[in-house]
PDB file of N, CA and C in Angstrom:
ATOM      1  N   MET A   1     101.530 -90.549 -74.182  1.00  0.00           N
ATOM      2  CA  MET A   1     100.639 -91.319 -73.351  1.00  0.00           C
ATOM      3  C   MET A   1      99.391 -91.615 -74.174  1.00  0.00           C
ATOM      4  N   LEU A   2      98.947 -92.844 -74.135  1.00  0.00           N
ATOM      5  CA  LEU A   2      97.753 -93.267 -74.847  1.00  0.00           C
ATOM      6  C   LEU A   2      96.743 -93.767 -73.827  1.00  0.00           C
ATOM      7  N   LYS A   3      95.539 -93.264 -73.946  1.00  0.00           N
ATOM      8  CA  LYS A   3      94.459 -93.682 -73.066  1.00  0.00           C
ATOM      9  C   LYS A   3      93.348 -94.230 -73.950  1.00  0.00           C
ATOM     10  N   PHE A   4      92.756 -95.352 -73.564  1.00  0.00           N
ATOM     11  CA  PHE A   4      91.676 -95.907 -74.374  1.00  0.00           C
ATOM     12  C   PHE A   4      90.552 -96.425 -73.495  1.00  0.00           C
ATOM     13  N   THR A   5      89.334 -96.416 -74.056  1.00  0.00           N
ATOM     14  CA  THR A   5      88.184 -97.042 -73.422  1.00  0.00           C
ATOM     15  C   THR A   5      87.515 -97.936 -74.462  1.00  0.00           C
ATOM     16  N   ILE A   6      86.950 -99.019 -73.981  1.00  0.00           N
ATOM     17  CA  ILE A   6      86.324-100.015 -74.852  1.00  0.00           C
ATOM     18  C   ILE A   6      84.841-100.093 -74.482  1.00  0.00           C
ATOM     19  N   PRO A   7      83.953 -99.936 -75.468  1.00  0.00           N
ATOM     20  CA  PRO A   7      82.516-100.053 -75.178  1.00  0.00           C
ATOM     21  C   PRO A   7      82.198-101.412 -74.560  1.00  0.00           C
ATOM     22  N   VAL A   8      81.210-101.453 -73.657  1.00  0.00           N
ATOM     23  CA  VAL A   8      80.905-102.661 -72.891  1.00  0.00           C
ATOM     24  C   VAL A   8      80.583-103.855 -73.795  1.00  0.00           C
ATOM     25  N   GLU A   9      79.669-103.690 -74.733  1.00  0.00           N
ATOM     26  CA  GLU A   9      79.279-104.831 -75.572  1.00  0.00           C
ATOM     27  C   GLU A   9      80.450-105.364 -76.389  1.00  0.00           C
ATOM     28  N   LYS A  10      81.188-104.464 -77.023  1.00  0.00           N
ATOM     29  CA  LYS A  10      82.350-104.896 -77.819  1.00  0.00           C
ATOM     30  C   LYS A  10      83.401-105.522 -76.903  1.00  0.00           C
ATOM     31  N   GLY A  11      83.581-104.965 -75.714  1.00  0.00           N
ATOM     32  CA  GLY A  11      84.529-105.524 -74.754  1.00  0.00           C
ATOM     33  C   GLY A  11      84.150-106.931 -74.337  1.00  0.00           C
ATOM     34  N   ASN A  12      82.861-107.155 -74.079  1.00  0.00           N
ATOM     35  CA  ASN A  12      82.400-108.494 -73.699  1.00  0.00           C
ATOM     36  C   ASN A  12      82.641-109.494 -74.837  1.00  0.00           C
ATOM     37  N   GLN A  13      82.316-109.061 -76.060  1.00  0.00           N
ATOM     38  CA  GLN A  13      82.519-109.923 -77.229  1.00  0.00           C
ATOM     39  C   GLN A  13      84.005-110.216 -77.426  1.00  0.00           C
ATOM     40  N   ALA A  14      84.842-109.162 -77.337  1.00  0.00           N
ATOM     41  CA  ALA A  14      86.284-109.318 -77.552  1.00  0.00           C
ATOM     42  C   ALA A  14      86.924-110.174 -76.457  1.00  0.00           C
ATOM     43  N   LYS A  15      86.409-110.061 -75.237  1.00  0.00           N
ATOM     44  CA  LYS A  15      86.919-110.907 -74.152  1.00  0.00           C
ATOM     45  C   LYS A  15      86.580-112.366 -74.430  1.00  0.00           C
ATOM     46  N   ALA A  16      85.355-112.602 -74.849  1.00  0.00           N
ATOM     47  CA  ALA A  16      84.901-113.969 -75.103  1.00  0.00           C
ATOM     48  C   ALA A  16      85.650-114.636 -76.256  1.00  0.00           C
ATOM     49  N   ASP A  17      85.924-113.886 -77.317  1.00  0.00           N
ATOM     50  CA  ASP A  17      86.592-114.501 -78.476  1.00  0.00           C
ATOM     51  C   ASP A  17      88.117-114.383 -78.443  1.00  0.00           C
ATOM     52  N   GLY A  18      88.661-113.744 -77.384  1.00  0.00           N
ATOM     53  CA  GLY A  18      90.111-113.643 -77.229  1.00  0.00           C
ATOM     54  C   GLY A  18      90.761-112.478 -77.960  1.00  0.00           C
ATOM     55  N   SER A  19      89.973-111.703 -78.700  1.00  0.00           N
ATOM     56  CA  SER A  19      90.583-110.608 -79.470  1.00  0.00           C
ATOM     57  C   SER A  19      91.022-109.439 -78.580  1.00  0.00           C
ATOM     58  N   MET A  20      90.412-109.279 -77.397  1.00  0.00           N
ATOM     59  CA  MET A  20      90.843-108.195 -76.515  1.00  0.00           C
ATOM     60  C   MET A  20      92.256-108.445 -75.996  1.00  0.00           C
ATOM     61  N   SER A  21      92.509-109.621 -75.484  1.00  0.00           N
ATOM     62  CA  SER A  21      93.847-109.892 -74.953  1.00  0.00           C
ATOM     63  C   SER A  21      94.886-109.818 -76.061  1.00  0.00           C
ATOM     64  N   GLN A  22      94.535-110.267 -77.270  1.00  0.00           N
ATOM     65  CA  GLN A  22      95.490-110.187 -78.381  1.00  0.00           C
ATOM     66  C   GLN A  22      95.752-108.737 -78.782  1.00  0.00           C
ATOM     67  N   ALA A  23      94.713-107.921 -78.821  1.00  0.00           N
ATOM     68  CA  ALA A  23      94.880-106.513 -79.195  1.00  0.00           C
ATOM     69  C   ALA A  23      95.753-105.782 -78.173  1.00  0.00           C
ATOM     70  N   ILE A  24      95.545-106.074 -76.902  1.00  0.00           N
ATOM     71  CA  ILE A  24      96.351-105.420 -75.859  1.00  0.00           C
ATOM     72  C   ILE A  24      97.794-105.913 -75.899  1.00  0.00           C
ATOM     73  N   LYS A  25      97.985-107.207 -76.099  1.00  0.00           N
ATOM     74  CA  LYS A  25      99.357-107.732 -76.251  1.00  0.00           C
ATOM     75  C   LYS A  25     100.050-107.096 -77.444  1.00  0.00           C
ATOM     76  N   ASP A  26      99.331-106.939 -78.554  1.00  0.00           N
ATOM     77  CA  ASP A  26      99.911-106.310 -79.750  1.00  0.00           C
ATOM     78  C   ASP A  26     100.296-104.862 -79.468  1.00  0.00           C
ATOM     79  N   LEU A  27      99.429-104.141 -78.746  1.00  0.00           N
ATOM     80  CA  LEU A  27      99.724-102.753 -78.378  1.00  0.00           C
ATOM     81  C   LEU A  27     101.002-102.690 -77.546  1.00  0.00           C
ATOM     82  N   ILE A  28     101.085-103.539 -76.543  1.00  0.00           N
ATOM     83  CA  ILE A  28     102.253-103.550 -75.648  1.00  0.00           C
ATOM     84  C   ILE A  28     103.521-103.897 -76.433  1.00  0.00           C
ATOM     85  N   ASN A  29     103.437-104.877 -77.317  1.00  0.00           N
ATOM     86  CA  ASN A  29     104.604-105.250 -78.123  1.00  0.00           C
ATOM     87  C   ASN A  29     105.017-104.151 -79.103  1.00  0.00           C
ATOM     88  N   THR A  30     104.055-103.393 -79.582  1.00  0.00           N
ATOM     89  CA  THR A  30     104.343-102.327 -80.540  1.00  0.00           C
ATOM     90  C   THR A  30     105.006-101.122 -79.880  1.00  0.00           C
ATOM     91  N   VAL A  31     104.449-100.664 -78.760  1.00  0.00           N
ATOM     92  CA  VAL A  31     104.941 -99.414 -78.161  1.00  0.00           C
ATOM     93  C   VAL A  31     105.999 -99.609 -77.086  1.00  0.00           C
ATOM     94  N   LYS A  32     106.160-100.818 -76.588  1.00  0.00           N
ATOM     95  CA  LYS A  32     107.160-101.086 -75.535  1.00  0.00           C
ATOM     96  C   LYS A  32     107.040-100.033 -74.422  1.00  0.00           C
ATOM     97  N   PRO A  33     105.924-100.032 -73.704  1.00  0.00           N
ATOM     98  CA  PRO A  33     105.645 -98.939 -72.766  1.00  0.00           C
ATOM     99  C   PRO A  33     106.561 -98.915 -71.541  1.00  0.00           C
ATOM    100  N   GLU A  34     106.704 -97.707 -71.008  1.00  0.00           N
ATOM    101  CA  GLU A  34     107.378 -97.521 -69.724  1.00  0.00           C
ATOM    102  C   GLU A  34     106.486 -98.058 -68.614  1.00  0.00           C
ATOM    103  N   SER A  35     105.161 -97.873 -68.793  1.00  0.00           N
ATOM    104  CA  SER A  35     104.192 -98.396 -67.841  1.00  0.00           C
ATOM    105  C   SER A  35     102.848 -98.563 -68.548  1.00  0.00           C
ATOM    106  N   ALA A  36     102.021 -99.429 -68.001  1.00  0.00           N
ATOM    107  CA  ALA A  36     100.683 -99.659 -68.547  1.00  0.00           C
ATOM    108  C   ALA A  36      99.737 -99.947 -67.384  1.00  0.00           C
ATOM    109  N   TYR A  37      98.567 -99.336 -67.436  1.00  0.00           N
ATOM    110  CA  TYR A  37      97.568 -99.495 -66.378  1.00  0.00           C
ATOM    111  C   TYR A  37      96.229 -99.811 -67.024  1.00  0.00           C
ATOM    112  N   PHE A  38      95.457-100.682 -66.369  1.00  0.00           N
ATOM    113  CA  PHE A  38      94.157-101.081 -66.881  1.00  0.00           C
ATOM    114  C   PHE A  38      93.161-100.942 -65.742  1.00  0.00           C
ATOM    115  N   TYR A  39      91.990-100.389 -66.054  1.00  0.00           N
ATOM    116  CA  TYR A  39      91.031-100.038 -65.014  1.00  0.00           C
ATOM    117  C   TYR A  39      89.642 -99.910 -65.634  1.00  0.00           C
ATOM    118  N   VAL A  40      88.664 -99.535 -64.831  1.00  0.00           N
ATOM    119  CA  VAL A  40      87.303 -99.285 -65.299  1.00  0.00           C
ATOM    120  C   VAL A  40      87.055 -97.779 -65.228  1.00  0.00           C
ATOM    121  N   GLU A  41      86.514 -97.232 -66.318  1.00  0.00           N
ATOM    122  CA  GLU A  41      86.184 -95.804 -66.350  1.00  0.00           C
ATOM    123  C   GLU A  41      84.781 -95.650 -66.916  1.00  0.00           C
ATOM    124  N   ASP A  42      83.911 -95.013 -66.169  1.00  0.00           N
ATOM    125  CA  ASP A  42      82.513 -94.822 -66.588  1.00  0.00           C
ATOM    126  C   ASP A  42      81.870 -96.147 -66.989  1.00  0.00           C
ATOM    127  N   GLY A  43      82.174 -97.220 -66.268  1.00  0.00           N
ATOM    128  CA  GLY A  43      81.591 -98.522 -66.527  1.00  0.00           C
ATOM    129  C   GLY A  43      82.169 -99.262 -67.725  1.00  0.00           C
ATOM    130  N   LYS A  44      83.243 -98.737 -68.313  1.00  0.00           N
ATOM    131  CA  LYS A  44      83.865 -99.363 -69.483  1.00  0.00           C
ATOM    132  C   LYS A  44      85.279 -99.807 -69.135  1.00  0.00           C
ATOM    133  N   ARG A  45      85.744-100.834 -69.817  1.00  0.00           N
ATOM    134  CA  ARG A  45      87.145-101.232 -69.679  1.00  0.00           C
ATOM    135  C   ARG A  45      88.009-100.115 -70.245  1.00  0.00           C
ATOM    136  N   ALA A  46      89.111 -99.839 -69.570  1.00  0.00           N
ATOM    137  CA  ALA A  46      89.966 -98.723 -70.002  1.00  0.00           C
ATOM    138  C   ALA A  46      91.426 -99.061 -69.720  1.00  0.00           C
ATOM    139  N   GLY A  47      92.287 -98.329 -70.359  1.00  0.00           N
ATOM    140  CA  GLY A  47      93.712 -98.505 -70.132  1.00  0.00           C
ATOM    141  C   GLY A  47      94.475 -97.231 -70.436  1.00  0.00           C
ATOM    142  N   MET A  48      95.650 -97.138 -69.847  1.00  0.00           N
ATOM    143  CA  MET A  48      96.555 -96.025 -70.089  1.00  0.00           C
ATOM    144  C   MET A  48      97.944 -96.614 -70.276  1.00  0.00           C
ATOM    145  N   VAL A  49      98.600 -96.226 -71.353  1.00  0.00           N
ATOM    146  CA  VAL A  49      99.914 -96.753 -71.676  1.00  0.00           C
ATOM    147  C   VAL A  49     100.848 -95.565 -71.867  1.00  0.00           C
ATOM    148  N   VAL A  50     101.928 -95.556 -71.126  1.00  0.00           N
ATOM    149  CA  VAL A  50     102.908 -94.475 -71.221  1.00  0.00           C
ATOM    150  C   VAL A  50     104.093 -95.010 -72.010  1.00  0.00           C
ATOM    151  N   PHE A  51     104.400 -94.330 -73.113  1.00  0.00           N
ATOM    152  CA  PHE A  51     105.486 -94.784 -73.974  1.00  0.00           C
ATOM    153  C   PHE A  51     106.146 -93.583 -74.638  1.00  0.00           C
ATOM    154  N   GLU A  52     107.333 -93.805 -75.144  1.00  0.00           N
ATOM    155  CA  GLU A  52     108.061 -92.745 -75.837  1.00  0.00           C
ATOM    156  C   GLU A  52     107.804 -92.870 -77.333  1.00  0.00           C
ATOM    157  N   ALA A  53     107.412 -91.769 -77.935  1.00  0.00           N
ATOM    158  CA  ALA A  53     107.151 -91.760 -79.381  1.00  0.00           C
ATOM    159  C   ALA A  53     107.997 -90.664 -80.018  1.00  0.00           C
ATOM    160  N   SER A  54     108.878 -91.066 -80.893  1.00  0.00           N
ATOM    161  CA  SER A  54     109.711 -90.080 -81.571  1.00  0.00           C
ATOM    162  C   SER A  54     109.190 -89.779 -82.971  1.00  0.00           C
ATOM    163  N   ASP A  55     108.299 -90.629 -83.480  1.00  0.00           N
ATOM    164  CA  ASP A  55     107.774 -90.448 -84.834  1.00  0.00           C
ATOM    165  C   ASP A  55     106.252 -90.393 -84.777  1.00  0.00           C
ATOM    166  N   GLN A  56     105.693 -89.211 -85.003  1.00  0.00           N
ATOM    167  CA  GLN A  56     104.243 -89.040 -84.934  1.00  0.00           C
ATOM    168  C   GLN A  56     103.503 -89.870 -85.984  1.00  0.00           C
ATOM    169  N   ALA A  57     104.184 -90.206 -87.065  1.00  0.00           N
ATOM    170  CA  ALA A  57     103.556 -90.995 -88.130  1.00  0.00           C
ATOM    171  C   ALA A  57     103.176 -92.385 -87.645  1.00  0.00           C
ATOM    172  N   GLN A  58     103.817 -92.876 -86.598  1.00  0.00           N
ATOM    173  CA  GLN A  58     103.499 -94.215 -86.109  1.00  0.00           C
ATOM    174  C   GLN A  58     102.185 -94.248 -85.335  1.00  0.00           C
ATOM    175  N   MET A  59     101.612 -93.097 -85.023  1.00  0.00           N
ATOM    176  CA  MET A  59     100.380 -93.069 -84.236  1.00  0.00           C
ATOM    177  C   MET A  59      99.239 -93.812 -84.936  1.00  0.00           C
ATOM    178  N   ALA A  60      99.142 -93.706 -86.253  1.00  0.00           N
ATOM    179  CA  ALA A  60      98.082 -94.420 -86.974  1.00  0.00           C
ATOM    180  C   ALA A  60      98.234 -95.929 -86.800  1.00  0.00           C
ATOM    181  N   ALA A  61      99.449 -96.411 -86.871  1.00  0.00           N
ATOM    182  CA  ALA A  61      99.685 -97.849 -86.710  1.00  0.00           C
ATOM    183  C   ALA A  61      99.357 -98.311 -85.291  1.00  0.00           C
ATOM    184  N   ILE A  62      99.467 -97.419 -84.339  1.00  0.00           N
ATOM    185  CA  ILE A  62      99.148 -97.748 -82.948  1.00  0.00           C
ATOM    186  C   ILE A  62      97.641 -97.688 -82.713  1.00  0.00           C
ATOM    187  N   ASN A  63      96.988 -96.657 -83.251  1.00  0.00           N
ATOM    188  CA  ASN A  63      95.546 -96.463 -83.030  1.00  0.00           C
ATOM    189  C   ASN A  63      94.664 -97.455 -83.760  1.00  0.00           C
ATOM    190  N   GLU A  64      94.953 -97.692 -85.022  1.00  0.00           N
ATOM    191  CA  GLU A  64      94.045 -98.445 -85.880  1.00  0.00           C
ATOM    192  C   GLU A  64      93.659 -99.825 -85.340  1.00  0.00           C
ATOM    193  N   PRO A  65      94.590-100.629 -84.827  1.00  0.00           N
ATOM    194  CA  PRO A  65      94.166-101.931 -84.287  1.00  0.00           C
ATOM    195  C   PRO A  65      93.182-101.795 -83.113  1.00  0.00           C
ATOM    196  N   LEU A  66      93.345-100.758 -82.307  1.00  0.00           N
ATOM    197  CA  LEU A  66      92.414-100.552 -81.189  1.00  0.00           C
ATOM    198  C   LEU A  66      91.038-100.159 -81.710  1.00  0.00           C
ATOM    199  N   PHE A  67      91.013 -99.310 -82.739  1.00  0.00           N
ATOM    200  CA  PHE A  67      89.734 -98.936 -83.351  1.00  0.00           C
ATOM    201  C   PHE A  67      89.074-100.158 -83.978  1.00  0.00           C
ATOM    202  N   ALA A  68      89.812-100.867 -84.826  1.00  0.00           N
ATOM    203  CA  ALA A  68      89.254-101.962 -85.620  1.00  0.00           C
ATOM    204  C   ALA A  68      88.875-103.173 -84.772  1.00  0.00           C
ATOM    205  N   LYS A  69      89.734-103.572 -83.839  1.00  0.00           N
ATOM    206  CA  LYS A  69      89.503-104.800 -83.082  1.00  0.00           C
ATOM    207  C   LYS A  69      88.603-104.605 -81.863  1.00  0.00           C
ATOM    208  N   LEU A  70      88.654-103.403 -81.265  1.00  0.00           N
ATOM    209  CA  LEU A  70      87.945-103.195 -80.000  1.00  0.00           C
ATOM    210  C   LEU A  70      86.933-102.057 -80.034  1.00  0.00           C
ATOM    211  N   ASN A  71      86.837-101.380 -81.174  1.00  0.00           N
ATOM    212  CA  ASN A  71      85.954-100.215 -81.283  1.00  0.00           C
ATOM    213  C   ASN A  71      86.268 -99.213 -80.164  1.00  0.00           C
ATOM    214  N   ALA A  72      87.551 -99.112 -79.820  1.00  0.00           N
ATOM    215  CA  ALA A  72      87.987 -98.290 -78.689  1.00  0.00           C
ATOM    216  C   ALA A  72      87.978 -96.808 -79.027  1.00  0.00           C
ATOM    217  N   GLN A  73      87.718 -96.031 -78.015  1.00  0.00           N
ATOM    218  CA  GLN A  73      87.932 -94.590 -78.114  1.00  0.00           C
ATOM    219  C   GLN A  73      89.368 -94.369 -77.655  1.00  0.00           C
ATOM    220  N   VAL A  74      90.171 -93.704 -78.464  1.00  0.00           N
ATOM    221  CA  VAL A  74      91.595 -93.538 -78.179  1.00  0.00           C
ATOM    222  C   VAL A  74      91.939 -92.058 -78.065  1.00  0.00           C
ATOM    223  N   ASN A  75      92.660 -91.719 -77.030  1.00  0.00           N
ATOM    224  CA  ASN A  75      93.173 -90.359 -76.852  1.00  0.00           C
ATOM    225  C   ASN A  75      94.674 -90.461 -76.640  1.00  0.00           C
ATOM    226  N   ILE A  76      95.404 -89.675 -77.410  1.00  0.00           N
ATOM    227  CA  ILE A  76      96.855 -89.638 -77.249  1.00  0.00           C
ATOM    228  C   ILE A  76      97.229 -88.209 -76.889  1.00  0.00           C
ATOM    229  N   CYS A  77      98.053 -88.082 -75.874  1.00  0.00           N
ATOM    230  CA  CYS A  77      98.532 -86.749 -75.517  1.00  0.00           C
ATOM    231  C   CYS A  77      99.987 -86.845 -75.088  1.00  0.00           C
ATOM    232  N   PRO A  78     100.746 -85.799 -75.410  1.00  0.00           N
ATOM    233  CA  PRO A  78     102.143 -85.797 -74.983  1.00  0.00           C
ATOM    234  C   PRO A  78     102.228 -85.706 -73.462  1.00  0.00           C
ATOM    235  N   ALA A  79     103.214 -86.338 -72.919  1.00  0.00           N
ATOM    236  CA  ALA A  79     103.457 -86.273 -71.478  1.00  0.00           C
ATOM    237  C   ALA A  79     104.955 -86.108 -71.258  1.00  0.00           C
ATOM    238  N   LEU A  80     105.316 -85.289 -70.289  1.00  0.00           N
ATOM    239  CA  LEU A  80     106.722 -85.034 -69.980  1.00  0.00           C
ATOM    240  C   LEU A  80     107.047 -85.531 -68.588  1.00  0.00           C
ATOM    241  N   THR A  81     108.275 -85.967 -68.404  1.00  0.00           N
ATOM    242  CA  THR A  81     108.748 -86.234 -67.055  1.00  0.00           C
ATOM    243  C   THR A  81     109.031 -84.887 -66.409  1.00  0.00           C
ATOM    244  N   LEU A  82     109.150 -84.869 -65.103  1.00  0.00           N
ATOM    245  CA  LEU A  82     109.467 -83.624 -64.416  1.00  0.00           C
ATOM    246  C   LEU A  82     110.797 -83.068 -64.920  1.00  0.00           C
ATOM    247  N   GLU A  83     111.757 -83.941 -65.134  1.00  0.00           N
ATOM    248  CA  GLU A  83     113.069 -83.518 -65.631  1.00  0.00           C
ATOM    249  C   GLU A  83     112.951 -82.846 -67.005  1.00  0.00           C
ATOM    250  N   ASP A  84     112.187 -83.471 -67.918  1.00  0.00           N
ATOM    251  CA  ASP A  84     111.989 -82.875 -69.243  1.00  0.00           C
ATOM    252  C   ASP A  84     111.304 -81.519 -69.137  1.00  0.00           C
ATOM    253  N   LEU A  85     110.299 -81.439 -68.287  1.00  0.00           N
ATOM    254  CA  LEU A  85     109.567 -80.194 -68.118  1.00  0.00           C
ATOM    255  C   LEU A  85     110.487 -79.081 -67.627  1.00  0.00           C
ATOM    256  N   LEU A  86     111.267 -79.372 -66.595  1.00  0.00           N
ATOM    257  CA  LEU A  86     112.135 -78.345 -66.021  1.00  0.00           C
ATOM    258  C   LEU A  86     113.229 -77.913 -66.995  1.00  0.00           C
ATOM    259  N   GLN A  87     113.702 -78.839 -67.830  1.00  0.00           N
ATOM    260  CA  GLN A  87     114.729 -78.492 -68.811  1.00  0.00           C
ATOM    261  C   GLN A  87     114.188 -77.598 -69.915  1.00  0.00           C
ATOM    262  N   ASN A  88     112.891 -77.673 -70.172  1.00  0.00           N
ATOM    263  CA  ASN A  88     112.327 -76.967 -71.306  1.00  0.00           C
ATOM    264  C   ASN A  88     111.513 -75.732 -70.949  1.00  0.00           C
ATOM    265  N   ILE A  89     111.422 -75.413 -69.681  1.00  0.00           N
ATOM    266  CA  ILE A  89     110.752 -74.174 -69.294  1.00  0.00           C
ATOM    267  C   ILE A  89     111.775 -73.047 -69.434  1.00  0.00           C
ATOM    268  N   PRO A  90     111.498 -72.072 -70.290  1.00  0.00           N
ATOM    269  CA  PRO A  90     112.466 -70.989 -70.457  1.00  0.00           C
ATOM    270  C   PRO A  90     112.564 -70.127 -69.199  1.00  0.00           C
ATOM    271  N   THR A  91     113.762 -69.709 -68.901  1.00  0.00           N
ATOM    272  CA  THR A  91     113.966 -68.804 -67.773  1.00  0.00           C
ATOM    273  C   THR A  91     113.514 -67.406 -68.191  1.00  0.00           C
ATOM    274  N   ARG A  92     113.401 -66.537 -67.228  1.00  0.00           N
ATOM    275  CA  ARG A  92     112.966 -65.162 -67.517  1.00  0.00           C
ATOM    276  C   ARG A  92     113.937 -64.481 -68.474  1.00  0.00           C
ATOM    277  N   SER A  93     115.242 -64.706 -68.302  1.00  0.00           N
ATOM    278  CA  SER A  93     116.220 -64.061 -69.183  1.00  0.00           C
ATOM    279  C   SER A  93     116.098 -64.581 -70.612  1.00  0.00           C
ATOM    280  N   VAL A  94     115.809 -65.875 -70.771  1.00  0.00           N
ATOM    281  CA  VAL A  94     115.625 -66.438 -72.118  1.00  0.00           C
ATOM    282  C   VAL A  94     114.383 -65.825 -72.758  1.00  0.00           C
ATOM    283  N   GLN A  95     113.305 -65.675 -71.987  1.00  0.00           N
ATOM    284  CA  GLN A  95     112.090 -65.064 -72.516  1.00  0.00           C
ATOM    285  C   GLN A  95     112.366 -63.615 -72.932  1.00  0.00           C
ATOM    286  N   GLN A  96     113.112 -62.883 -72.112  1.00  0.00           N
ATOM    287  CA  GLN A  96     113.428 -61.491 -72.442  1.00  0.00           C
ATOM    288  C   GLN A  96     114.291 -61.416 -73.696  1.00  0.00           C
ATOM    289  N   ASP A  97     115.253 -62.332 -73.843  1.00  0.00           N
ATOM    290  CA  ASP A  97     116.080 -62.375 -75.045  1.00  0.00           C
ATOM    291  C   ASP A  97     115.233 -62.632 -76.282  1.00  0.00           C
ATOM    292  N   ARG A  98     114.292 -63.553 -76.161  1.00  0.00           N
ATOM    293  CA  ARG A  98     113.424 -63.852 -77.307  1.00  0.00           C
ATOM    294  C   ARG A  98     112.609 -62.631 -77.705  1.00  0.00           C
ATOM    295  N   LEU A  99     112.048 -61.931 -76.704  1.00  0.00           N
ATOM    296  CA  LEU A  99     111.274 -60.723 -77.003  1.00  0.00           C
ATOM    297  C   LEU A  99     112.155 -59.647 -77.623  1.00  0.00           C
ATOM    298  N   HIS A 100     113.354 -59.478 -77.107  1.00  0.00           N
ATOM    299  CA  HIS A 100     114.285 -58.497 -77.650  1.00  0.00           C
ATOM    300  C   HIS A 100     114.625 -58.827 -79.103  1.00  0.00           C
ATOM    301  N   ASN A 101     114.950 -60.097 -79.362  1.00  0.00           N
ATOM    302  CA  ASN A 101     115.275 -60.524 -80.725  1.00  0.00           C
ATOM    303  C   ASN A 101     114.077 -60.364 -81.645  1.00  0.00           C
ATOM    304  N   TYR A 102     112.881 -60.667 -81.141  1.00  0.00           N
ATOM    305  CA  TYR A 102     111.673 -60.505 -81.941  1.00  0.00           C
ATOM    306  C   TYR A 102     111.500 -59.026 -82.305  1.00  0.00           C
ATOM    307  N   GLY A 103     111.735 -58.157 -81.337  1.00  0.00           N
ATOM    308  CA  GLY A 103     111.622 -56.724 -81.599  1.00  0.00           C
ATOM    309  C   GLY A 103     112.603 -56.267 -82.660  1.00  0.00           C
ATOM    310  N   GLN A 104     113.815 -56.793 -82.644  1.00  0.00           N
ATOM    311  CA  GLN A 104     114.805 -56.422 -83.657  1.00  0.00           C
ATOM    312  C   GLN A 104     114.376 -56.905 -85.031  1.00  0.00           C
ATOM    313  N   VAL A 105     113.850 -58.111 -85.121  1.00  0.00           N
ATOM    314  CA  VAL A 105     113.410 -58.653 -86.413  1.00  0.00           C
ATOM    315  C   VAL A 105     112.240 -57.839 -86.955  1.00  0.00           C
ATOM    316  N   VAL A 106     111.258 -57.543 -86.100  1.00  0.00           N
ATOM    317  CA  VAL A 106     110.111 -56.754 -86.539  1.00  0.00           C
ATOM    318  C   VAL A 106     110.569 -55.378 -86.985  1.00  0.00           C
ATOM    319  N   GLY A 107     111.469 -54.758 -86.222  1.00  0.00           N
ATOM    320  CA  GLY A 107     111.993 -53.446 -86.598  1.00  0.00           C
ATOM    321  C   GLY A 107     112.702 -53.484 -87.941  1.00  0.00           C
ATOM    322  N   ALA A 108     113.523 -54.514 -88.158  1.00  0.00           N
ATOM    323  CA  ALA A 108     114.245 -54.639 -89.431  1.00  0.00           C
ATOM    324  C   ALA A 108     113.264 -54.833 -90.582  1.00  0.00           C
ATOM    325  N   CYS A 109     112.206 -55.577 -90.352  1.00  0.00           N
ATOM    326  CA  CYS A 109     111.204 -55.791 -91.406  1.00  0.00           C
ATOM    327  C   CYS A 109     110.480 -54.494 -91.740  1.00  0.00           C
ATOM    328  N   LEU A 110     110.175 -53.704 -90.721  1.00  0.00           N
ATOM    329  CA  LEU A 110     109.498 -52.426 -90.972  1.00  0.00           C
ATOM    330  C   LEU A 110     110.390 -51.475 -91.748  1.00  0.00           C
ATOM    331  N   VAL A 111     111.681 -51.424 -91.388  1.00  0.00           N
ATOM    332  CA  VAL A 111     112.630 -50.567 -92.102  1.00  0.00           C
ATOM    333  C   VAL A 111     112.738 -51.024 -93.549  1.00  0.00           C
ATOM    334  N   SER A 112     112.861 -52.329 -93.750  1.00  0.00           N
ATOM    335  CA  SER A 112     112.977 -52.879 -95.096  1.00  0.00           C
ATOM    336  C   SER A 112     111.718 -52.576 -95.907  1.00  0.00           C
ATOM    337  N   SER A 113     110.545 -52.728 -95.300  1.00  0.00           N
ATOM    338  CA  SER A 113     109.282 -52.456 -96.003  1.00  0.00           C
ATOM    339  C   SER A 113     109.173 -50.998 -96.383  1.00  0.00           C
ATOM    340  N   SER A 114     109.550 -50.105 -95.477  1.00  0.00           N
ATOM    341  CA  SER A 114     109.446 -48.678 -95.787  1.00  0.00           C
ATOM    342  C   SER A 114     110.440 -48.274 -96.879  1.00  0.00           C
ATOM    343  N   GLN A 115     111.607 -48.906 -96.915  1.00  0.00           N
ATOM    344  CA  GLN A 115     112.570 -48.620 -97.976  1.00  0.00           C
ATOM    345  C   GLN A 115     112.032 -49.100 -99.317  1.00  0.00           C
ATOM    346  N   ASN A 116     111.376 -50.245 -99.323  1.00  0.00           N
ATOM    347  CA  ASN A 116     110.797 -50.770-100.562  1.00  0.00           C
ATOM    348  C   ASN A 116     109.670 -49.882-101.067  1.00  0.00           C
ATOM    349  N   LEU A 117     109.005 -49.185-100.155  1.00  0.00           N
ATOM    350  CA  LEU A 117     107.917 -48.295-100.548  1.00  0.00           C
ATOM    351  C   LEU A 117     108.429 -46.905-100.913  1.00  0.00           C
ATOM    352  N   GLY A 118     109.729 -46.696-100.791  1.00  0.00           N
ATOM    353  CA  GLY A 118     110.345 -45.420-101.145  1.00  0.00           C
ATOM    354  C   GLY A 118     110.166 -44.355-100.089  1.00  0.00           C
ATOM    355  N   ARG A 119     110.021 -44.761 -98.874  1.00  0.00           N
ATOM    356  CA  ARG A 119     109.853 -43.772 -97.793  1.00  0.00           C
ATOM    357  C   ARG A 119     111.124 -43.573 -97.043  1.00  0.00           C
TER     358      ARG A 119
END
């Protein structure tokens, strides 16, 4: 999810010269969002775009035009659907298995370390 705000003066200038609508169209064409919302936040033009990103390296290509063309403040944060969230929350038994396995690994490391020290 990408959220942005545009300073008032830069927003007014960008609206007048057409660069705001072009920057937003470019953003939409680049990320192919699931949804996009535009609103006013703290007296500034703002937007929120929900999209799927599989490659974190593309974030610079997404952010930079908003910074350069609109002087926008950009915040990106991961967002999950309810289905994704429920699939990825470990159950109590999975958590217990992880702790048990962690205990075995730590124990094996301690045994190995003590053998290396000649104890």
